[in-house]
Amino acid sequence: MRKSLFYILLFWFPLILAQEGEVFPEDSSEVQQKTEVMEAEQVQDENLMQDENLMQDENLIQDELPVLEEIPVQSQVQVQVQDQERPLVKYSTDFEFTDGLYANFETVKENDPIPPARIVTDEDLFDRAFYEKITQVNEITIYDENGVKKVLRTEDIWGYSRNGILHINVGSAFHRISFMGSICHFVATVTTYNSNHYDPYAYNPYYSNSYYYNRYSMPQSNVGSTDLRQYLLDFDTGDIMEYDTESVGVMLMKDPELADEFNSLSNRKKKQMKFVYIRLYNEKHPLYFPAN
């Protein structure tokens, strides 16, 4: 009897629970699937919480960082170009310019002349008077960087460097720059010509009405005079001026403090102190050249 009652309850007990809303899974695979779903949802919730925490941390860090100004693209390019340029060297008495022909003033500032090996000439490259000899002719033939022949007029060449010393073309001759700086000083020999006319028939009554003698028979002679002159070179612009108080005052205008001091002097004192102020200007505004 007891066994019968036990089997009856065992049969009806699941039916009663099913009516009250309790549903048992049919097998273990269904339980495993539900467990995996619950674990996946839990992992997803944890990932979302971590992402939210990271976003909050990034916002806090961004708020704490100082605001930096954006660098324009052009400035970035300039910085990259400057990094690729040759390093600059401050000019001193030990500085040596690269030997060669300087076709223009820009090549002087870059210390980048035409090397003697690219000059077409029969003169000995190792001759001490090499540059004096090749500049005696009207034209100089060179090879450019691409190996193409070019002809330069000697009068258009800015100058040359020999043994590291710069020479400038002034008055159809090349002269050594003895004092280098932002304001340079040098001495040049300049030859000027004056035309003197002599007419032996000007007061001859027999030929006073003769058109031929008055116009064509009048002998002419050119008298040349050689003067030693002092000049200044503005190494910023390449301008050349005569060495006097007015030119010194003009070149000092780029430094208002020195210009005011110089202009406050008397004319006599300016003549005495003009070279001193050139030195003061060069000390405040040194020259820099690309390294060899």
Protein backbone atom coordinates (compact mmCIF):
# COMPACT_ATOMS: atom_id res chain seq x y z
CA MET A 1 0.00 0.00 0.00
CA ARG A 2 2.78 2.36 0.94
CA LYS A 3 4.67 1.55 -2.22
CA SER A 4 1.57 2.25 -4.32
CA LEU A 5 1.10 5.64 -2.65
CA PHE A 6 4.75 6.47 -3.26
CA TYR A 7 4.54 5.77 -7.00
CA ILE A 8 1.31 7.79 -7.30
CA LEU A 9 2.93 10.85 -5.69
CA LEU A 10 6.03 10.43 -7.84
CA PHE A 11 3.86 10.47 -10.95
CA TRP A 12 1.60 13.40 -10.02
CA PHE A 13 4.15 15.68 -8.34
CA PRO A 14 5.68 17.06 -11.58
CA LEU A 15 2.22 17.73 -13.00
CA ILE A 16 1.26 19.78 -9.96
CA LEU A 17 4.44 21.87 -10.21
CA ALA A 18 3.89 22.45 -13.93
CA GLN A 19 0.43 23.87 -13.23
CA GLU A 20 1.90 26.29 -10.68
CA GLY A 21 4.28 27.72 -13.30
CA GLU A 22 7.42 25.70 -12.63
CA VAL A 23 8.79 24.24 -15.87
CA PHE A 24 11.66 21.80 -15.78
CA PRO A 25 14.04 21.54 -18.66
CA GLU A 26 13.59 18.47 -20.69
CA ASP A 27 17.32 17.56 -20.71
CA SER A 28 20.79 18.73 -19.66
CA SER A 29 21.64 20.32 -23.08
CA GLU A 30 18.92 22.94 -22.61
CA VAL A 31 20.32 23.83 -19.20
CA GLN A 32 23.81 24.21 -20.66
CA GLN A 33 22.55 26.54 -23.43
CA LYS A 34 20.79 28.78 -20.95
CA THR A 35 23.90 28.91 -18.78
CA GLU A 36 26.09 29.92 -21.74
CA VAL A 37 23.62 32.69 -22.71
CA MET A 38 23.63 34.07 -19.18
CA GLU A 39 27.44 34.03 -19.04
CA ALA A 40 27.70 35.82 -22.43
CA GLU A 41 25.29 38.55 -21.28
CA GLN A 42 27.30 38.99 -18.10
CA VAL A 43 30.56 39.37 -20.07
CA GLN A 44 28.93 41.91 -22.39
CA ASP A 45 27.70 43.96 -19.43
CA GLU A 46 31.20 43.93 -17.92
CA ASN A 47 32.74 45.11 -21.25
CA LEU A 48 30.26 47.97 -21.49
CA MET A 49 31.11 49.07 -17.98
CA GLN A 50 34.84 48.99 -18.79
CA ASP A 51 34.31 51.07 -21.95
CA GLU A 52 32.33 53.66 -20.00
CA ASN A 53 35.07 53.85 -17.38
CA LEU A 54 37.75 54.30 -20.09
CA MET A 55 35.78 57.10 -21.72
CA GLN A 56 35.43 58.87 -18.40
CA ASP A 57 39.18 58.53 -17.75
CA GLU A 58 40.02 59.90 -21.21
CA ASN A 59 37.75 62.87 -20.67
CA LEU A 60 39.41 63.60 -17.33
CA ILE A 61 42.89 63.38 -18.88
CA GLN A 62 41.88 65.62 -21.79
CA ASP A 63 40.48 68.20 -19.39
CA GLU A 64 43.71 68.20 -17.37
CA LEU A 65 46.03 68.58 -20.38
CA PRO A 66 46.98 72.17 -21.45
CA VAL A 67 45.49 73.47 -24.67
CA LEU A 68 48.16 73.49 -27.39
CA GLU A 69 47.98 75.74 -30.42
CA GLU A 70 47.79 73.94 -33.71
CA ILE A 71 50.93 74.30 -35.83
CA PRO A 72 50.10 75.33 -39.39
CA VAL A 73 51.04 72.88 -42.08
CA GLN A 74 53.35 75.44 -43.69
CA SER A 75 55.26 75.89 -40.42
CA GLN A 76 55.69 72.13 -40.12
CA VAL A 77 57.12 72.02 -43.64
CA GLN A 78 59.49 74.89 -42.84
CA VAL A 79 60.71 73.12 -39.74
CA GLN A 80 61.37 69.97 -41.76
CA VAL A 81 63.25 71.98 -44.40
CA GLN A 82 65.33 73.72 -41.76
CA ASP A 83 66.24 70.39 -40.24
CA GLN A 84 67.54 69.26 -43.61
CA GLU A 85 69.69 72.37 -44.14
CA ARG A 86 73.36 72.51 -43.30
CA PRO A 87 74.22 73.66 -39.77
CA LEU A 88 75.19 77.31 -39.39
CA VAL A 89 78.57 78.49 -38.17
CA LYS A 90 79.17 81.87 -36.57
CA TYR A 91 81.71 83.93 -38.45
CA SER A 92 85.05 84.48 -36.75
CA THR A 93 88.57 85.33 -37.87
CA ASP A 94 89.20 81.59 -38.21
CA PHE A 95 86.35 81.14 -40.70
CA GLU A 96 87.41 80.29 -44.26
CA PHE A 97 85.25 80.79 -47.32
CA THR A 98 85.17 77.95 -49.81
CA ASP A 99 87.58 78.66 -52.66
CA GLY A 100 86.01 79.28 -56.05
CA LEU A 101 84.10 81.81 -58.15
CA TYR A 102 81.03 83.44 -56.63
CA ALA A 103 78.68 84.22 -59.49
CA ASN A 104 76.34 86.35 -57.35
CA PHE A 105 75.86 87.57 -53.80
CA GLU A 106 73.46 84.77 -52.83
CA THR A 107 76.18 82.19 -53.43
CA VAL A 108 78.42 84.21 -51.10
CA LYS A 109 75.85 84.10 -48.31
CA GLU A 110 75.49 80.36 -48.84
CA ASN A 111 79.28 79.91 -49.07
CA ASP A 112 78.66 77.89 -52.22
CA PRO A 113 80.97 78.98 -55.07
CA ILE A 114 81.81 77.42 -58.42
CA PRO A 115 84.79 75.18 -57.60
CA PRO A 116 87.97 75.69 -59.65
CA ALA A 117 87.68 72.15 -61.05
CA ARG A 118 84.58 73.26 -63.01
CA ILE A 119 86.34 76.24 -64.60
CA VAL A 120 87.42 75.71 -68.22
CA THR A 121 90.91 77.15 -68.49
CA ASP A 122 94.49 76.29 -69.39
CA GLU A 123 95.81 77.96 -66.25
CA ASP A 124 97.28 75.88 -63.46
CA LEU A 125 94.70 75.37 -60.71
CA PHE A 126 97.48 75.37 -58.10
CA ASP A 127 99.01 78.63 -59.28
CA ARG A 128 98.86 81.29 -56.56
CA ALA A 129 97.77 83.81 -59.20
CA PHE A 130 95.14 81.49 -60.70
CA TYR A 131 92.13 83.73 -60.02
CA GLU A 132 93.98 86.90 -61.02
CA LYS A 133 94.80 85.31 -64.37
CA ILE A 134 91.36 83.91 -65.21
CA THR A 135 89.65 87.21 -64.34
CA GLN A 136 91.83 89.15 -66.80
CA VAL A 137 89.68 87.96 -69.71
CA ASN A 138 86.21 89.23 -70.55
CA GLU A 139 84.50 85.84 -70.26
CA ILE A 140 84.94 82.74 -68.14
CA THR A 141 83.63 79.34 -69.25
CA ILE A 142 82.43 76.91 -66.60
CA TYR A 143 80.55 73.64 -66.25
CA ASP A 144 77.35 73.91 -64.24
CA GLU A 145 76.12 71.29 -61.78
CA ASN A 146 74.58 69.30 -64.63
CA GLY A 147 77.81 69.26 -66.65
CA VAL A 148 76.57 71.83 -69.18
CA LYS A 149 78.99 74.47 -70.42
CA LYS A 150 78.12 78.06 -69.61
CA VAL A 151 79.83 81.36 -70.30
CA LEU A 152 79.97 84.04 -67.59
CA ARG A 153 80.94 87.63 -68.22
CA THR A 154 83.77 88.53 -65.87
CA GLU A 155 82.24 91.92 -65.09
CA ASP A 156 79.09 90.18 -63.81
CA ILE A 157 80.91 87.86 -61.40
CA TRP A 158 80.51 89.00 -57.78
CA GLY A 159 83.93 87.81 -56.66
CA TYR A 160 86.01 84.83 -55.63
CA SER A 161 87.64 83.24 -52.64
CA ARG A 162 91.31 82.30 -52.53
CA ASN A 163 92.82 80.55 -49.51
CA GLY A 164 89.58 81.19 -47.64
CA ILE A 165 89.68 84.97 -48.13
CA LEU A 166 86.89 86.76 -49.97
CA HIS A 167 87.58 89.13 -52.89
CA ILE A 168 84.93 91.43 -54.36
CA ASN A 169 84.57 92.80 -57.88
CA VAL A 170 84.54 96.62 -57.81
CA GLY A 171 85.76 99.00 -60.50
CA SER A 172 86.57 96.21 -62.98
CA ALA A 173 89.03 94.67 -60.52
CA PHE A 174 88.87 92.24 -57.61
CA HIS A 175 89.77 93.45 -54.13
CA ARG A 176 90.25 91.67 -50.83
CA ILE A 177 87.67 92.30 -48.11
CA SER A 178 89.92 93.06 -45.18
CA PHE A 179 87.24 93.54 -42.49
CA MET A 180 84.38 91.03 -42.47
CA GLY A 181 81.11 91.34 -40.60
CA SER A 182 77.48 92.32 -41.06
CA ILE A 183 79.03 95.59 -42.23
CA CYS A 184 82.21 94.90 -44.21
CA HIS A 185 85.00 97.34 -44.98
CA PHE A 186 87.44 97.11 -47.87
CA VAL A 187 89.75 99.26 -49.96
CA ALA A 188 89.57 99.32 -53.76
CA THR A 189 91.67 100.91 -56.46
CA VAL A 190 89.37 102.65 -58.91
CA THR A 191 90.50 104.10 -62.21
CA THR A 192 88.52 106.94 -63.76
CA TYR A 193 88.99 108.48 -67.19
CA ASN A 194 88.57 112.11 -68.20
CA SER A 195 88.36 113.05 -71.86
CA ASN A 196 90.49 116.07 -72.83
CA HIS A 197 89.93 117.56 -76.28
CA TYR A 198 92.57 119.55 -78.10
CA ASP A 199 91.69 121.36 -81.32
CA PRO A 200 94.72 122.95 -82.99
CA TYR A 201 92.45 124.59 -85.55
CA ALA A 202 90.00 126.15 -83.11
CA TYR A 203 91.65 129.56 -83.33
CA ASN A 204 93.18 129.23 -86.78
CA PRO A 205 91.44 131.69 -89.05
CA TYR A 206 92.38 129.66 -92.11
CA TYR A 207 90.42 126.67 -90.91
CA SER A 208 87.69 128.29 -88.85
CA ASN A 209 85.09 127.60 -91.52
CA SER A 210 86.22 124.10 -92.29
CA TYR A 211 83.67 121.53 -91.11
CA TYR A 212 86.08 118.67 -91.72
CA TYR A 213 88.82 119.93 -89.43
CA ASN A 214 86.54 121.16 -86.70
CA ARG A 215 84.71 117.87 -86.37
CA TYR A 216 87.04 115.06 -87.39
CA SER A 217 90.62 116.31 -87.15
CA MET A 218 90.40 117.32 -83.52
CA PRO A 219 92.73 114.90 -81.65
CA GLN A 220 91.41 113.34 -78.46
CA SER A 221 93.12 111.79 -75.47
CA ASN A 222 91.77 109.96 -72.43
CA VAL A 223 93.60 110.68 -69.21
CA GLY A 224 93.12 108.06 -66.52
CA SER A 225 93.50 108.67 -62.81
CA THR A 226 93.74 105.95 -60.20
CA ASP A 227 92.21 106.57 -56.81
CA LEU A 228 92.33 104.49 -53.64
CA ARG A 229 88.85 104.47 -52.11
CA GLN A 230 87.24 102.89 -49.06
CA TYR A 231 83.90 101.10 -49.28
CA LEU A 232 81.31 99.44 -47.04
CA LEU A 233 79.38 96.28 -47.89
CA ASP A 234 76.02 95.61 -46.27
CA PHE A 235 76.10 91.83 -45.90
CA ASP A 236 72.34 91.70 -45.45
CA THR A 237 71.41 93.33 -48.75
CA GLY A 238 74.66 93.23 -50.74
CA ASP A 239 74.63 97.03 -51.16
CA ILE A 240 78.02 98.76 -51.56
CA MET A 241 78.49 102.32 -50.30
CA GLU A 242 81.42 104.65 -49.94
CA TYR A 243 82.95 104.77 -46.50
CA ASP A 244 81.72 108.05 -45.01
CA THR A 245 79.61 109.21 -42.07
CA GLU A 246 76.43 109.34 -44.12
CA SER A 247 76.75 105.72 -45.27
CA VAL A 248 77.57 104.54 -41.76
CA GLY A 249 74.47 106.31 -40.47
CA VAL A 250 72.32 104.58 -43.10
CA MET A 251 73.67 101.11 -42.26
CA LEU A 252 73.19 101.68 -38.52
CA MET A 253 69.48 102.40 -39.03
CA LYS A 254 68.71 98.70 -38.59
CA ASP A 255 69.82 99.09 -34.95
CA PRO A 256 67.88 102.12 -33.60
CA GLU A 257 69.87 102.26 -30.36
CA LEU A 258 73.24 102.50 -32.09
CA ALA A 259 71.82 104.80 -34.76
CA ASP A 260 70.55 107.26 -32.14
CA GLU A 261 73.90 107.26 -30.35
CA PHE A 262 75.78 107.84 -33.59
CA ASN A 263 73.44 110.59 -34.81
CA SER A 264 73.74 112.42 -31.49
CA LEU A 265 77.49 112.93 -32.07
CA SER A 266 78.92 116.01 -33.66
CA ASN A 267 80.11 115.78 -37.27
CA ARG A 268 83.72 115.79 -36.16
CA LYS A 269 83.07 113.02 -33.64
CA LYS A 270 81.18 110.97 -36.24
CA LYS A 271 84.24 110.95 -38.52
CA GLN A 272 86.41 109.78 -35.64
CA MET A 273 83.97 107.14 -34.35
CA LYS A 274 82.42 105.72 -37.52
CA PHE A 275 84.62 102.62 -37.57
CA VAL A 276 84.03 102.07 -33.83
CA TYR A 277 80.29 101.98 -34.43
CA ILE A 278 80.74 99.53 -37.28
CA ARG A 279 82.52 97.21 -34.86
CA LEU A 280 79.78 97.66 -32.26
CA TYR A 281 77.13 96.83 -34.86
CA ASN A 282 78.98 93.68 -35.95
CA GLU A 283 79.30 92.52 -32.35
CA LYS A 284 75.55 92.86 -31.80
CA HIS A 285 74.65 91.35 -35.19
CA PRO A 286 77.10 88.54 -35.97
CA LEU A 287 77.24 86.74 -39.31
CA TYR A 288 76.36 83.07 -39.77
CA PHE A 289 77.29 80.86 -42.69
CA PRO A 290 76.43 77.27 -43.61
CA ALA A 291 79.16 74.90 -42.50
CA ASN A 292 81.50 73.55 -45.19
